[in-house]
């Protein structure tokens, strides 16, 4: 029991630290790595709940496939060596205040529910909790729309990041077709003077020996 409690506090600290690193770190590459650490900590918490399939799916799907995709997106965008400089306007200050109020509300709700559960045996967990059949039923029946919406949001975010990166680098100009040539006007390359090349003799005819 002591070891499980120790693992719970370690996993909780890692999850909170990784979540804070995502929003605090200015380097996008390090922010993605902090999110990977957060997902690994969540997998540890799932193991403590005896949900082995959820922990494996968390590591394989999210910490593995999805985060590797975002690492490639960040590497493609570039600029990881340039720290992000947030704006200090009124909108930024309003966002910070809204985030602080939201964090306080979530903390009160979590602490209140946690204190209310002290001294109780806890909720009744069904025998099939965390099994593939139960997860499939929840994802494909009860939470089908949120599950598909999250998938589309991840795809839109990845495609949008690539499009914004191409606009910032000016790569769209390289993909544009060349301008059409009009009849009667030579191209700029033909107007440029060509260097004179000295005539060379036929290599098949040997030179005369003087």
Protein backbone atom coordinates (compact mmCIF):
# COMPACT_ATOMS: atom_id res chain seq x y z
CA UNK A 1 0.00 0.00 0.00
CA UNK A 2 2.85 2.37 0.81
CA UNK A 3 4.50 1.69 -2.55
CA UNK A 4 1.24 2.34 -4.42
CA UNK A 5 0.78 5.63 -2.56
CA UNK A 6 4.34 6.63 -3.40
CA UNK A 7 3.80 5.84 -7.09
CA UNK A 8 0.57 7.83 -7.04
CA UNK A 9 2.27 10.98 -5.74
CA UNK A 10 5.18 10.52 -8.18
CA UNK A 11 2.80 10.11 -11.10
CA UNK A 12 0.66 13.04 -9.98
CA UNK A 13 3.72 15.30 -9.64
CA UNK A 14 4.95 14.24 -13.09
CA UNK A 15 1.52 14.85 -14.62
CA UNK A 16 1.21 18.32 -13.09
CA UNK A 17 4.80 19.21 -13.96
CA UNK A 18 4.40 18.06 -17.56
CA UNK A 19 1.15 20.01 -17.97
CA UNK A 20 2.79 23.14 -16.58
CA UNK A 21 5.78 22.63 -18.87
CA UNK A 22 3.51 22.59 -21.93
CA UNK A 23 2.22 26.10 -21.20
CA UNK A 24 5.30 27.59 -19.50
CA UNK A 25 8.16 26.51 -21.76
CA UNK A 26 8.78 28.91 -24.64
CA UNK A 27 10.58 26.44 -26.85
CA UNK A 28 7.95 24.45 -28.80
CA UNK A 29 10.15 21.35 -29.02
CA UNK A 30 10.61 21.21 -25.24
CA UNK A 31 6.88 21.87 -24.84
CA UNK A 32 6.09 18.75 -26.88
CA UNK A 33 8.54 16.72 -24.80
CA UNK A 34 6.84 17.97 -21.63
CA UNK A 35 3.51 16.77 -23.05
CA UNK A 36 5.07 13.34 -23.66
CA UNK A 37 6.14 13.21 -20.00
CA UNK A 38 2.62 14.20 -18.96
CA UNK A 39 1.09 11.36 -20.99
CA UNK A 40 3.56 8.85 -19.54
CA UNK A 41 2.57 9.96 -16.04
CA UNK A 42 -1.10 9.44 -16.92
CA UNK A 43 -0.26 5.91 -18.07
CA UNK A 44 1.30 5.28 -14.65
CA UNK A 45 -1.89 6.47 -12.94
CA UNK A 46 -3.93 4.14 -15.15
CA UNK A 47 -1.73 1.25 -14.04
CA UNK A 48 -2.49 2.10 -10.42
CA UNK A 49 -6.20 1.85 -11.27
CA UNK A 50 -5.56 -1.65 -12.68
CA UNK A 51 -6.47 -0.48 -16.19
CA UNK A 52 -3.60 -2.08 -18.07
CA UNK A 53 -5.19 -1.70 -21.50
CA UNK A 54 -5.74 2.03 -20.97
CA UNK A 55 -2.12 2.44 -19.88
CA UNK A 56 -0.86 0.58 -22.94
CA UNK A 57 -3.12 2.60 -25.26
CA UNK A 58 -1.94 5.81 -23.60
CA UNK A 59 1.70 4.93 -24.29
CA UNK A 60 1.28 3.44 -27.77
CA UNK A 61 -1.32 5.79 -29.26
CA UNK A 62 -0.76 9.16 -27.58
CA UNK A 63 2.77 9.17 -26.19
CA UNK A 64 3.96 7.15 -29.18
CA UNK A 65 2.15 7.82 -32.44
CA UNK A 66 0.44 11.18 -31.88
CA UNK A 67 3.37 12.86 -30.14
CA UNK A 68 5.84 11.58 -32.74
CA UNK A 69 3.61 13.24 -35.34
CA UNK A 70 3.77 16.54 -33.48
CA UNK A 71 7.53 16.26 -33.03
CA UNK A 72 7.82 15.96 -36.82
CA UNK A 73 5.48 18.95 -37.25
CA UNK A 74 7.58 21.07 -34.88
CA UNK A 75 10.75 19.98 -36.67
CA UNK A 76 9.19 20.84 -40.05
CA UNK A 77 8.03 24.26 -38.87
CA UNK A 78 11.46 25.07 -37.51
CA UNK A 79 12.27 28.02 -35.33
CA UNK A 80 12.70 25.88 -32.22
CA UNK A 81 15.84 27.84 -31.34
CA UNK A 82 13.85 31.08 -31.36
CA UNK A 83 11.88 31.43 -28.10
CA UNK A 84 8.30 32.57 -28.34
CA UNK A 85 7.79 36.11 -27.08
CA UNK A 86 4.22 36.45 -25.82
CA UNK A 87 2.44 39.73 -26.29
CA UNK A 88 2.04 41.92 -23.24
CA UNK A 89 -1.18 43.61 -24.33
CA UNK A 90 -4.56 43.69 -22.69
CA UNK A 91 -5.63 40.48 -24.43
CA UNK A 92 -2.65 38.58 -22.97
CA UNK A 93 -3.36 39.88 -19.48
CA UNK A 94 -7.02 38.89 -19.82
CA UNK A 95 -5.99 35.39 -20.90
CA UNK A 96 -3.71 35.00 -17.87
CA UNK A 97 -6.48 36.15 -15.52
CA UNK A 98 -8.99 33.77 -17.12
CA UNK A 99 -6.53 30.86 -16.80
CA UNK A 100 -5.91 31.69 -13.13
CA UNK A 101 -9.65 31.79 -12.36
CA UNK A 102 -10.21 28.50 -14.21
CA UNK A 103 -7.32 26.85 -12.32
CA UNK A 104 -8.73 28.03 -9.00
CA UNK A 105 -12.17 26.66 -9.86
CA UNK A 106 -10.77 23.26 -10.87
CA UNK A 107 -8.59 23.12 -7.75
CA UNK A 108 -11.58 23.83 -5.49
CA UNK A 109 -13.65 21.15 -7.24
CA UNK A 110 -10.90 18.52 -7.09
CA UNK A 111 -9.90 19.24 -3.50
CA UNK A 112 -13.53 19.36 -2.38
CA UNK A 113 -14.38 16.02 -3.96
CA UNK A 114 -11.14 14.49 -2.65
CA UNK A 115 -11.78 15.62 0.92
CA UNK A 116 -15.32 14.30 0.70
CA UNK A 117 -14.02 10.86 -0.29
CA UNK A 118 -11.68 10.50 2.68
CA UNK A 119 -12.63 7.67 5.01
CA UNK A 120 -14.85 5.98 2.40
CA UNK A 121 -14.14 2.73 0.54
CA UNK A 122 -14.30 4.61 -2.77
CA UNK A 123 -16.55 4.09 -5.78
CA UNK A 124 -17.62 0.64 -6.86
CA UNK A 125 -15.59 -0.38 -9.91
CA UNK A 126 -17.11 -2.93 -12.26
CA UNK A 127 -15.08 -6.10 -12.96
CA UNK A 128 -14.65 -5.14 -16.65
CA UNK A 129 -13.28 -1.65 -15.93
CA UNK A 130 -10.56 -0.74 -18.41
CA UNK A 131 -11.07 -3.79 -20.61
CA UNK A 132 -10.99 -3.44 -24.44
CA UNK A 133 -14.70 -4.32 -24.68
CA UNK A 134 -15.68 -1.62 -22.19
CA UNK A 135 -13.49 0.99 -23.86
CA UNK A 136 -14.87 0.12 -27.28
CA UNK A 137 -18.42 0.42 -26.02
CA UNK A 138 -17.76 3.84 -24.50
CA UNK A 139 -15.89 5.21 -27.51
CA UNK A 140 -18.27 3.90 -30.18
CA UNK A 141 -21.55 4.47 -28.34
CA UNK A 142 -21.50 6.97 -25.49
CA UNK A 143 -18.55 9.19 -26.44
CA UNK A 144 -18.52 8.71 -30.21
CA UNK A 145 -18.98 12.39 -31.15
CA UNK A 146 -16.33 13.77 -28.72
CA UNK A 147 -13.91 11.03 -29.80
CA UNK A 148 -14.30 11.86 -33.51
CA UNK A 149 -14.20 15.60 -32.80
CA UNK A 150 -10.88 15.23 -30.98
CA UNK A 151 -9.49 13.25 -33.93
CA UNK A 152 -10.49 15.97 -36.40
CA UNK A 153 -9.05 18.67 -34.14
CA UNK A 154 -5.68 16.90 -34.03
CA UNK A 155 -5.67 16.54 -37.82
CA UNK A 156 -6.68 20.18 -38.40
CA UNK A 157 -3.99 21.38 -35.99
CA UNK A 158 -1.27 19.41 -37.78
CA UNK A 159 -2.36 20.55 -41.26
CA UNK A 160 -2.75 24.16 -40.11
CA UNK A 161 0.75 24.17 -38.62
CA UNK A 162 2.23 22.95 -41.91
CA UNK A 163 0.30 25.58 -43.93
CA UNK A 164 1.38 28.39 -41.62
CA UNK A 165 4.98 27.21 -41.79
CA UNK A 166 4.93 27.27 -45.61
CA UNK A 167 3.53 30.80 -45.62
CA UNK A 168 6.15 31.99 -43.17
CA UNK A 169 9.00 30.51 -45.18
CA UNK A 170 7.61 31.66 -48.52
CA UNK A 171 7.46 28.14 -49.93
CA UNK A 172 4.18 28.82 -51.72
CA UNK A 173 6.04 30.95 -54.28
CA UNK A 174 8.17 27.94 -55.23
CA UNK A 175 5.09 25.84 -55.89
CA UNK A 176 3.42 28.51 -58.04
CA UNK A 177 3.50 27.91 -61.84
CA UNK A 178 5.84 30.12 -63.91
CA UNK A 179 4.27 33.16 -65.62
CA UNK A 180 3.02 32.52 -69.16
CA UNK A 181 5.13 33.78 -72.06
CA UNK A 182 3.45 36.26 -74.40
CA UNK A 183 3.87 36.06 -78.17
CA UNK A 184 6.22 38.66 -79.57
CA UNK A 185 8.09 39.29 -76.36
CA UNK A 186 11.21 37.42 -75.49
CA UNK A 187 11.82 36.11 -72.05
CA UNK A 188 14.18 38.06 -69.75
CA UNK A 189 16.76 35.31 -70.13
CA UNK A 190 16.89 35.80 -73.93
CA UNK A 191 17.45 39.57 -73.55
CA UNK A 192 20.56 39.02 -71.46
CA UNK A 193 23.84 39.13 -73.41
CA UNK A 194 25.34 35.76 -74.04
CA UNK A 195 29.08 35.22 -73.61
CA UNK A 196 31.00 34.70 -76.80
CA UNK A 197 32.47 31.24 -77.22
CA UNK A 198 35.53 30.77 -79.35
CA UNK A 199 34.95 28.34 -82.24
CA UNK A 200 36.58 25.02 -81.81
CA UNK A 201 37.82 22.77 -84.55
CA UNK A 202 36.41 19.43 -85.42
CA UNK A 203 37.96 16.90 -83.06
CA UNK A 204 37.87 14.31 -85.83
CA UNK A 205 40.27 16.36 -88.07
CA UNK A 206 43.78 16.48 -86.71
CA UNK A 207 45.61 19.79 -86.70
CA UNK A 208 48.24 20.46 -89.29
CA UNK A 209 51.79 19.85 -88.18
CA UNK A 210 54.01 22.84 -88.88
